[in-house]
Amino acid sequence: MSHVHIIGAGLAGLSAGVALAAAGRRVTLYEAGPAAGGRCRSYFDRELGCRIDNGNHLLLSGNRAALGYLAQIGAADSLAGPQRPLFPFVDVARGERWTVAPSAGRLPWWLLRPSRRVPGTSARDYLALLRLLRARGSVAAALDDGGALYRRLLEPLAIAALNTPPQQGAATLLAQVVRETLLRGGGATLPRFARVGLSESFVDPAVAYISARGGVLRTGQRIAALGIAAGRVAALDAVALADDAQVVLAVPPPVAAALLPGLSVPDRFGAIVNVHVRAAADPGPAGFVGLIGGTAEWAFVRPGIVSVTISAADALAELPAETIAARVWPDLCAAFGLAGTLPPWRVVKERRATFAATVAQEQRRPGARTALANLVLAGDWTATGLPATIEGAIRSGRTAAQLLLAR
């Protein structure tokens, strides 16, 4: 069996490694950082005195590639979430609370129940989602009618999915997310998140799975150059590869472009800001809540810690961490009934968290195939048809592996 060299041990690289190792290929992963996982990992924060994720990620039960990956590496039971579709929201400025609760089957009978809809909306308003499926411009152009449904549900969901303001976000990318989840019924919209941490769910079990099948993870090893000869990758950093060796390039787009001059990749990015606060809060029926009308957007509750995610946060990321934490704390107090001075906190800024999910950037996303006979690409920035999500990253790794196995 040929030896597959995977450059980058984020979720795309790990997904490719799992699929290739399962097929009996010898796998070596090269990771420039000190640990695998990329933007999806956990670490112990000494100041907070607890383990936190570098960002919060919410899966839905319609994310079939991600859930299949977890099942394959033996981590299917590592996710938490409600047993029925629940999306609680709080308007922190007005003090209003509501829960969007899709029905379990494919028929959207829940729209006939005002208690399960966004307040101030009618069942007819939700036909806006059908407009989204046909739209080719921005999300806002397709959906923004100034009504309650857009402001209280569709806009926050679009920002979270695309990490791009809806005025620029590509409607086609959000439409694909909606097709694979909400339009398949409540059974595809069960919220799921890591019970303990991202590394414990997505990273550590994958590394163990690959290692158990003879694979190797080399951390702290940056590949700075690809030696190309006779239409194939012949060397990594001047170290020659075997004639039958294959390569998966699963690095961020700027790194991929540097290693492969002339490769078209997304070149605009969006920031995500995460705030972790050492506070005890009631997780409620879902374990998370969407926040409307404040700085914070989504808050996840674990024992002793509340973690906030703010997407499309380019301007916010430029502010001092102290200012960001001070702005978020009143939102958490309003949402969870907390009080007092701001407890210990940690702000994590990802200034280039994902590519900007615009129409123009979508056109710059390459496919997995390359002109080199033994090289394929993987990453949430490749042409997966989805925005930069866990589902897209894992799907891209699986696609890359399938291409190499077919060869």
Protein backbone atom coordinates (compact mmCIF):
# COMPACT_ATOMS: atom_id res chain seq x y z
CA MET A 1 0.00 0.00 0.00
CA SER A 2 1.24 3.51 -0.79
CA HIS A 3 2.30 5.89 1.95
CA VAL A 4 0.05 8.96 2.28
CA HIS A 5 1.56 12.16 3.66
CA ILE A 6 -1.04 14.53 5.09
CA ILE A 7 0.14 18.11 5.59
CA GLY A 8 -2.03 19.68 8.28
CA ALA A 9 -3.76 17.93 11.17
CA GLY A 10 -6.86 20.05 11.52
CA LEU A 11 -10.23 18.41 11.07
CA ALA A 12 -9.83 18.11 7.30
CA GLY A 13 -6.47 16.38 7.65
CA LEU A 14 -7.70 14.16 10.46
CA SER A 15 -10.80 13.20 8.46
CA ALA A 16 -8.63 12.24 5.50
CA GLY A 17 -6.29 10.33 7.81
CA VAL A 18 -9.12 8.37 9.41
CA ALA A 19 -10.59 7.37 6.03
CA LEU A 20 -7.20 6.38 4.62
CA ALA A 21 -6.11 4.48 7.72
CA ALA A 22 -9.42 2.60 7.68
CA ALA A 23 -8.63 1.53 4.11
CA GLY A 24 -5.25 0.17 5.16
CA ARG A 25 -3.08 3.02 3.91
CA ARG A 26 0.04 3.99 5.83
CA VAL A 27 -0.54 7.57 7.02
CA THR A 28 1.78 10.28 8.34
CA LEU A 29 0.34 13.62 9.44
CA TYR A 30 2.54 16.73 9.67
CA GLU A 31 1.27 19.49 11.95
CA ALA A 32 3.09 22.81 12.32
CA GLY A 33 1.52 23.51 15.70
CA PRO A 34 2.08 21.75 19.02
CA ALA A 35 -1.12 19.71 18.77
CA ALA A 36 -3.63 18.45 16.24
CA GLY A 37 -7.05 20.00 15.79
CA GLY A 38 -6.36 23.38 14.22
CA ARG A 39 -9.24 25.72 15.06
CA CYS A 40 -11.17 22.85 16.65
CA ARG A 41 -9.33 21.98 19.85
CA SER A 42 -9.34 22.30 23.63
CA TYR A 43 -6.70 23.40 26.09
CA PHE A 44 -6.26 24.06 29.80
CA ASP A 45 -6.45 27.76 30.65
CA ARG A 46 -4.37 28.45 33.74
CA GLU A 47 -6.01 31.76 34.54
CA LEU A 48 -9.51 30.29 34.47
CA GLY A 49 -8.32 27.06 36.06
CA CYS A 50 -10.30 24.89 33.67
CA ARG A 51 -10.27 23.37 30.22
CA ILE A 52 -11.86 25.42 27.44
CA ASP A 53 -12.35 25.17 23.68
CA ASN A 54 -10.68 27.70 21.43
CA GLY A 55 -14.14 28.21 19.94
CA ASN A 56 -17.70 26.98 20.25
CA HIS A 57 -19.14 24.75 17.54
CA LEU A 58 -22.74 23.61 17.22
CA LEU A 59 -23.55 20.60 15.08
CA LEU A 60 -26.96 19.54 13.86
CA SER A 61 -28.12 15.97 13.43
CA GLY A 62 -28.28 16.61 9.67
CA ASN A 63 -24.48 16.97 9.60
CA ARG A 64 -24.07 13.42 8.40
CA ALA A 65 -20.36 13.55 7.54
CA ALA A 66 -19.43 14.90 10.97
CA LEU A 67 -21.59 12.42 12.85
CA GLY A 68 -20.31 9.55 10.69
CA TYR A 69 -16.74 10.60 11.44
CA LEU A 70 -17.44 10.61 15.19
CA ALA A 71 -19.07 7.19 14.96
CA GLN A 72 -16.08 5.80 13.07
CA ILE A 73 -13.55 7.00 15.65
CA GLY A 74 -15.69 5.80 18.54
CA ALA A 75 -16.75 9.24 19.78
CA ALA A 76 -20.45 9.28 18.89
CA ASP A 77 -21.40 9.33 22.56
CA SER A 78 -19.16 12.33 23.29
CA LEU A 79 -21.78 14.84 22.14
CA ALA A 80 -24.47 16.42 24.28
CA GLY A 81 -27.71 18.17 23.38
CA PRO A 82 -31.47 18.05 23.83
CA GLN A 83 -33.47 15.02 22.79
CA ARG A 84 -35.74 17.09 20.58
CA PRO A 85 -35.14 20.11 18.32
CA LEU A 86 -34.86 23.17 20.57
CA PHE A 87 -33.35 26.58 19.87
CA PRO A 88 -33.88 28.93 22.83
CA PHE A 89 -33.40 32.68 22.35
CA VAL A 90 -33.27 35.69 24.65
CA ASP A 91 -33.61 39.31 23.60
CA VAL A 92 -31.22 40.78 26.17
CA ALA A 93 -32.39 44.35 25.50
CA ARG A 94 -36.11 43.64 25.90
CA GLY A 95 -36.03 40.68 28.26
CA GLU A 96 -38.17 38.54 25.94
CA ARG A 97 -37.60 34.80 25.65
CA TRP A 98 -38.77 32.26 23.10
CA THR A 99 -37.89 28.82 21.78
CA VAL A 100 -37.97 27.74 18.17
CA ALA A 101 -39.05 24.10 18.30
CA PRO A 102 -39.35 22.30 14.93
CA SER A 103 -41.46 19.16 14.84
CA ALA A 104 -39.64 15.84 14.59
CA GLY A 105 -40.90 14.75 11.17
CA ARG A 106 -40.40 16.24 7.73
CA LEU A 107 -43.84 17.90 7.70
CA PRO A 108 -43.46 21.35 9.34
CA TRP A 109 -46.65 21.23 11.35
CA TRP A 110 -44.86 23.11 14.12
CA LEU A 111 -45.36 26.27 12.08
CA LEU A 112 -49.05 26.09 12.97
CA ARG A 113 -48.23 26.48 16.67
CA PRO A 114 -47.42 30.08 17.69
CA SER A 115 -45.63 28.80 20.81
CA ARG A 116 -43.07 27.04 18.61
CA ARG A 117 -42.43 29.94 16.25
CA VAL A 118 -40.55 33.19 16.64
CA PRO A 119 -42.85 35.70 18.39
CA GLY A 120 -44.49 38.10 15.99
CA THR A 121 -44.31 35.72 13.01
CA SER A 122 -46.95 33.80 11.09
CA ALA A 123 -46.60 30.41 9.43
CA ARG A 124 -46.63 32.16 6.07
CA ASP A 125 -43.49 34.14 6.94
CA TYR A 126 -41.41 30.97 6.85
CA LEU A 127 -41.97 30.62 3.12
CA ALA A 128 -39.03 33.04 2.93
CA LEU A 129 -36.82 29.97 3.16
CA LEU A 130 -38.08 28.91 -0.27
CA ARG A 131 -36.86 32.23 -1.69
CA LEU A 132 -33.45 31.46 -0.25
CA LEU A 133 -33.25 28.22 -2.22
CA ARG A 134 -33.52 30.11 -5.50
CA ALA A 135 -31.38 33.11 -4.59
CA ARG A 136 -28.00 33.78 -6.17
CA GLY A 137 -27.01 37.01 -4.44
CA SER A 138 -26.62 37.88 -0.78
CA VAL A 139 -28.54 36.47 2.16
CA ALA A 140 -29.91 39.89 3.05
CA ALA A 141 -31.15 40.50 -0.51
CA ALA A 142 -33.00 37.18 -0.38
CA LEU A 143 -34.40 37.30 3.14
CA ASP A 144 -34.28 40.72 4.78
CA ASP A 145 -37.81 42.07 4.85
CA GLY A 146 -37.34 43.91 8.13
CA GLY A 147 -39.65 41.49 9.92
CA ALA A 148 -39.33 39.58 13.16
CA LEU A 149 -38.40 36.28 11.50
CA TYR A 150 -35.33 37.77 9.88
CA ARG A 151 -34.17 39.78 12.88
CA ARG A 152 -34.84 37.10 15.47
CA LEU A 153 -33.90 33.89 13.67
CA LEU A 154 -32.66 34.01 10.10
CA GLU A 155 -30.08 36.76 10.54
CA PRO A 156 -28.39 35.22 13.62
CA LEU A 157 -28.40 31.78 12.01
CA ALA A 158 -26.89 33.19 8.82
CA ILE A 159 -24.13 35.00 10.71
CA ALA A 160 -23.30 31.88 12.70
CA ALA A 161 -23.25 29.61 9.63
CA LEU A 162 -21.37 31.94 7.27
CA ASN A 163 -19.27 34.07 9.64
CA THR A 164 -20.05 36.86 7.22
CA PRO A 165 -22.53 39.76 7.45
CA PRO A 166 -25.75 38.82 5.62
CA GLN A 167 -25.36 41.86 3.37
CA GLN A 168 -22.31 40.12 1.84
CA GLY A 169 -22.94 36.46 2.69
CA ALA A 170 -23.67 34.16 -0.25
CA ALA A 171 -27.27 32.95 -0.22
CA THR A 172 -26.28 29.72 -2.01
CA LEU A 173 -24.09 28.63 0.91
CA LEU A 174 -26.77 29.26 3.53
CA ALA A 175 -29.32 27.55 1.27
CA GLN A 176 -27.25 24.37 1.26
CA VAL A 177 -27.08 24.37 5.05
CA VAL A 178 -30.87 24.79 5.18
CA ARG A 179 -31.40 21.97 2.65
CA GLU A 180 -29.36 19.53 4.69
CA THR A 181 -30.94 20.39 8.04
CA LEU A 182 -34.12 22.41 8.49
CA LEU A 183 -35.80 21.33 5.26
CA ARG A 184 -35.27 17.68 6.21
CA GLY A 185 -37.39 18.18 9.30
CA GLY A 186 -36.76 18.28 13.01
CA GLY A 187 -34.95 14.96 12.90
CA ALA A 188 -32.11 16.72 11.07
CA THR A 189 -32.03 19.75 13.35
CA LEU A 190 -31.22 18.22 16.73
CA PRO A 191 -28.51 20.49 18.24
CA ARG A 192 -25.30 18.73 19.26
CA PHE A 193 -22.10 20.00 20.89
CA ALA A 194 -19.08 18.48 22.59
CA ARG A 195 -19.95 17.34 26.11
CA VAL A 196 -16.42 17.73 27.47
CA GLY A 197 -14.40 19.52 24.81
CA LEU A 198 -13.64 19.67 21.11
CA SER A 199 -10.38 17.78 21.43
CA GLU A 200 -12.04 15.02 23.42
CA SER A 201 -14.69 14.59 20.72
CA PHE A 202 -13.08 15.36 17.37
CA VAL A 203 -9.31 15.24 17.78
CA ASP A 204 -7.95 12.83 20.38
CA PRO A 205 -10.10 9.85 19.29
CA ALA A 206 -9.12 10.47 15.65
CA VAL A 207 -5.42 10.55 16.46
CA ALA A 208 -5.84 7.35 18.49
CA TYR A 209 -7.74 5.71 15.60
CA ILE A 210 -5.01 6.55 13.10
CA SER A 211 -2.22 5.53 15.50
CA ALA A 212 -3.89 2.19 16.18
CA ARG A 213 -3.65 1.47 12.45
CA GLY A 214 0.02 2.31 12.16
CA GLY A 215 -0.33 6.01 11.40
CA VAL A 216 1.99 8.68 12.79
CA LEU A 217 1.31 12.27 13.89
CA ARG A 218 4.32 14.58 13.82
CA THR A 219 3.57 17.84 15.62
CA GLY A 220 5.80 20.88 15.50
CA GLN A 221 6.80 19.99 11.95
CA ARG A 222 6.06 22.64 9.36
CA ILE A 223 6.37 21.66 5.71
CA ALA A 224 7.84 24.73 4.03
CA ALA A 225 8.23 23.48 0.46
CA LEU A 226 6.97 20.87 -1.96
CA GLY A 227 9.45 19.42 -4.41
CA ILE A 228 7.63 18.98 -7.71
CA ALA A 229 8.98 16.92 -10.58
CA ALA A 230 7.43 15.10 -13.52
CA GLY A 231 3.92 16.27 -12.63
CA ARG A 232 3.90 15.00 -9.05
CA VAL A 233 5.06 15.89 -5.55
CA ALA A 234 8.44 14.22 -5.30
CA ALA A 235 9.70 15.66 -2.00
CA LEU A 236 8.65 17.38 1.20
CA ASP A 237 11.23 19.94 2.34
CA ALA A 238 13.85 18.30 0.10
CA VAL A 239 13.15 14.87 1.61
CA ALA A 240 12.40 12.56 -1.31
CA LEU A 241 9.15 10.61 -1.37
CA ALA A 242 8.68 7.09 -2.64
CA ASP A 243 7.47 6.78 -6.22
CA ASP A 244 4.03 5.64 -5.11
CA ALA A 245 3.65 8.18 -2.29
CA GLN A 246 0.53 10.33 -2.18
CA VAL A 247 -0.03 13.73 -0.53
CA VAL A 248 -3.01 15.50 1.02
CA LEU A 249 -2.57 19.25 1.45
CA ALA A 250 -4.88 20.18 4.34
CA VAL A 251 -3.54 23.55 5.45
CA PRO A 252 -5.13 27.04 5.60
CA PRO A 253 -5.60 28.74 2.21
CA PRO A 254 -2.67 31.22 2.48
CA VAL A 255 -0.31 28.34 3.30
CA ALA A 256 -1.68 26.26 0.44
CA ALA A 257 -1.18 29.16 -1.98
CA ALA A 258 2.41 29.59 -0.80
CA LEU A 259 3.17 25.90 -1.30
CA LEU A 260 1.40 25.78 -4.67
CA PRO A 261 1.99 29.06 -6.53
CA GLY A 262 -0.86 29.84 -8.88
CA LEU A 263 -3.48 28.00 -6.81
CA SER A 264 -6.73 29.96 -6.53
CA VAL A 265 -7.81 30.17 -2.89
CA PRO A 266 -10.06 32.45 -0.83
CA ASP A 267 -8.14 35.56 0.17
CA ARG A 268 -10.62 37.38 2.39
CA PHE A 269 -11.41 36.20 5.89
CA GLY A 270 -13.77 36.84 8.79
CA ALA A 271 -13.04 37.04 12.50
CA ILE A 272 -14.67 35.12 15.34
CA VAL A 273 -14.40 36.23 18.97
CA ASN A 274 -14.97 33.79 21.82
CA VAL A 275 -15.36 34.84 25.43
CA HIS A 276 -15.10 32.33 28.29
CA VAL A 277 -16.38 33.45 31.70
CA ARG A 278 -15.86 31.52 34.95
CA ALA A 279 -19.48 31.54 36.12
CA ALA A 280 -22.14 29.01 37.09
CA ALA A 281 -25.29 29.31 34.99
CA ASP A 282 -28.40 27.27 34.34
CA PRO A 283 -27.87 25.50 30.99
CA GLY A 284 -31.60 25.33 30.40
CA PRO A 285 -33.21 22.60 28.30
CA ALA A 286 -30.74 22.89 25.41
CA GLY A 287 -27.38 23.72 27.00
CA PHE A 288 -27.02 26.87 24.91
CA VAL A 289 -28.99 29.99 24.06
CA GLY A 290 -29.06 32.49 21.20
CA LEU A 291 -28.72 36.09 22.34
CA ILE A 292 -30.43 38.90 20.41
CA GLY A 293 -29.92 42.64 20.80
CA GLY A 294 -26.53 42.65 22.53
CA THR A 295 -22.88 41.98 21.87
CA ALA A 296 -22.92 38.25 22.60
CA GLU A 297 -24.60 35.99 20.06
CA TRP A 298 -24.51 32.37 21.24
CA ALA A 299 -23.73 31.21 24.78
CA PHE A 300 -22.89 27.63 25.74
CA VAL A 301 -23.04 26.49 29.35
CA ARG A 302 -20.84 23.86 30.93
CA PRO A 303 -20.25 23.27 34.64
CA GLY A 304 -18.65 26.42 36.02
CA ILE A 305 -18.07 28.10 32.67
CA VAL A 306 -20.12 30.09 30.15
CA SER A 307 -18.64 30.40 26.67
CA VAL A 308 -19.78 32.98 24.15
CA THR A 309 -19.25 33.02 20.38
CA ILE A 310 -19.50 36.18 18.27
CA SER A 311 -19.23 35.69 14.51
CA ALA A 312 -18.54 38.20 11.73
CA ALA A 313 -16.60 40.05 14.42
CA ASP A 314 -13.97 41.91 12.41
CA ALA A 315 -14.59 45.26 14.13
CA LEU A 316 -15.01 43.73 17.59
CA ALA A 317 -11.74 41.82 17.29
CA GLU A 318 -9.87 45.13 17.05
CA LEU A 319 -10.99 46.16 20.55
CA PRO A 320 -8.98 45.35 23.70
CA ALA A 321 -9.92 42.06 25.33
CA GLU A 322 -10.98 43.89 28.50
CA THR A 323 -13.48 45.97 26.54
CA ILE A 324 -14.95 42.90 24.83
CA ALA A 325 -15.38 41.02 28.11
CA ALA A 326 -17.00 44.04 29.75
CA ARG A 327 -19.50 44.32 26.89
CA VAL A 328 -20.42 40.65 26.98
CA TRP A 329 -20.93 40.34 30.75
CA PRO A 330 -24.19 42.39 30.90
CA ASP A 331 -25.64 40.19 28.15
CA LEU A 332 -24.87 37.07 30.19
CA CYS A 333 -26.35 38.65 33.30
CA ALA A 334 -29.57 39.40 31.41
CA ALA A 335 -29.71 35.96 29.81
CA PHE A 336 -28.87 33.80 32.83
CA GLY A 337 -29.87 35.93 35.82
CA LEU A 338 -26.26 36.49 36.86
CA ALA A 339 -25.10 39.51 38.86
CA GLY A 340 -22.06 41.15 40.36
CA THR A 341 -18.74 42.16 38.91
CA LEU A 342 -17.18 40.42 35.96
CA PRO A 343 -15.64 37.12 37.12
CA PRO A 344 -12.40 35.68 35.66
CA TRP A 345 -12.58 35.60 31.87
CA ARG A 346 -10.64 34.78 28.74
CA VAL A 347 -11.10 36.33 25.29
CA VAL A 348 -9.93 34.30 22.29
CA LYS A 349 -9.71 36.16 18.98
CA GLU A 350 -9.53 34.31 15.67
CA ARG A 351 -8.99 37.16 13.22
CA ARG A 352 -8.80 34.85 10.20
CA ALA A 353 -11.17 32.19 11.49
CA THR A 354 -12.85 31.34 8.17
CA PHE A 355 -12.88 32.55 4.61
CA ALA A 356 -15.43 35.27 3.92
CA ALA A 357 -18.48 33.45 2.61
CA THR A 358 -19.24 35.89 -0.22
CA VAL A 359 -20.18 35.19 -3.82
CA ALA A 360 -16.76 36.40 -4.99
CA GLN A 361 -14.86 34.26 -2.49
CA GLU A 362 -16.97 31.23 -3.32
CA GLN A 363 -15.66 31.45 -6.88
CA ARG A 364 -12.07 31.24 -5.60
CA ARG A 365 -12.56 27.91 -3.83
CA PRO A 366 -10.68 25.10 -5.60
CA GLY A 367 -11.83 21.53 -5.93
CA ALA A 368 -10.00 18.67 -4.25
CA ARG A 369 -8.24 17.56 -7.45
CA THR A 370 -5.04 19.24 -8.57
CA ALA A 371 -2.91 19.06 -11.71
CA LEU A 372 -0.36 16.97 -9.80
CA ALA A 373 -0.91 13.23 -10.08
CA ASN A 374 -0.38 12.41 -6.41
CA LEU A 375 -1.68 15.56 -4.66
CA VAL A 376 -5.20 16.41 -3.49
CA LEU A 377 -6.54 19.28 -1.39
CA ALA A 378 -8.64 19.21 1.77
CA GLY A 379 -10.04 21.97 3.94
CA ASP A 380 -13.29 23.77 4.67
CA TRP A 381 -12.11 26.41 2.17
CA THR A 382 -12.20 23.98 -0.76
CA ALA A 383 -15.30 23.66 -2.93
CA THR A 384 -17.48 21.64 -0.57
CA GLY A 385 -20.69 23.52 -1.36
CA LEU A 386 -20.90 24.48 2.32
CA PRO A 387 -19.56 27.43 4.30
CA ALA A 388 -16.51 26.95 6.52
CA THR A 389 -17.96 24.54 9.07
CA ILE A 390 -16.99 21.33 10.84
CA GLU A 391 -19.24 19.47 8.43
CA GLY A 392 -17.47 21.02 5.45
CA ALA A 393 -13.99 20.31 6.83
CA ILE A 394 -14.74 16.66 7.56
CA ARG A 395 -16.47 16.19 4.23
CA SER A 396 -13.47 17.67 2.40
CA GLY A 397 -11.08 15.25 4.10
CA ARG A 398 -13.26 12.31 3.18
CA THR A 399 -13.44 13.51 -0.44
CA ALA A 400 -9.65 13.82 -0.61
CA ALA A 401 -9.23 10.30 0.76
CA GLN A 402 -11.72 8.87 -1.73
CA LEU A 403 -9.83 10.44 -4.62
CA LEU A 404 -6.54 8.90 -3.50
CA LEU A 405 -8.10 5.51 -2.86
CA ALA A 406 -9.61 5.54 -6.33
CA ARG A 407 -6.15 6.07 -7.80
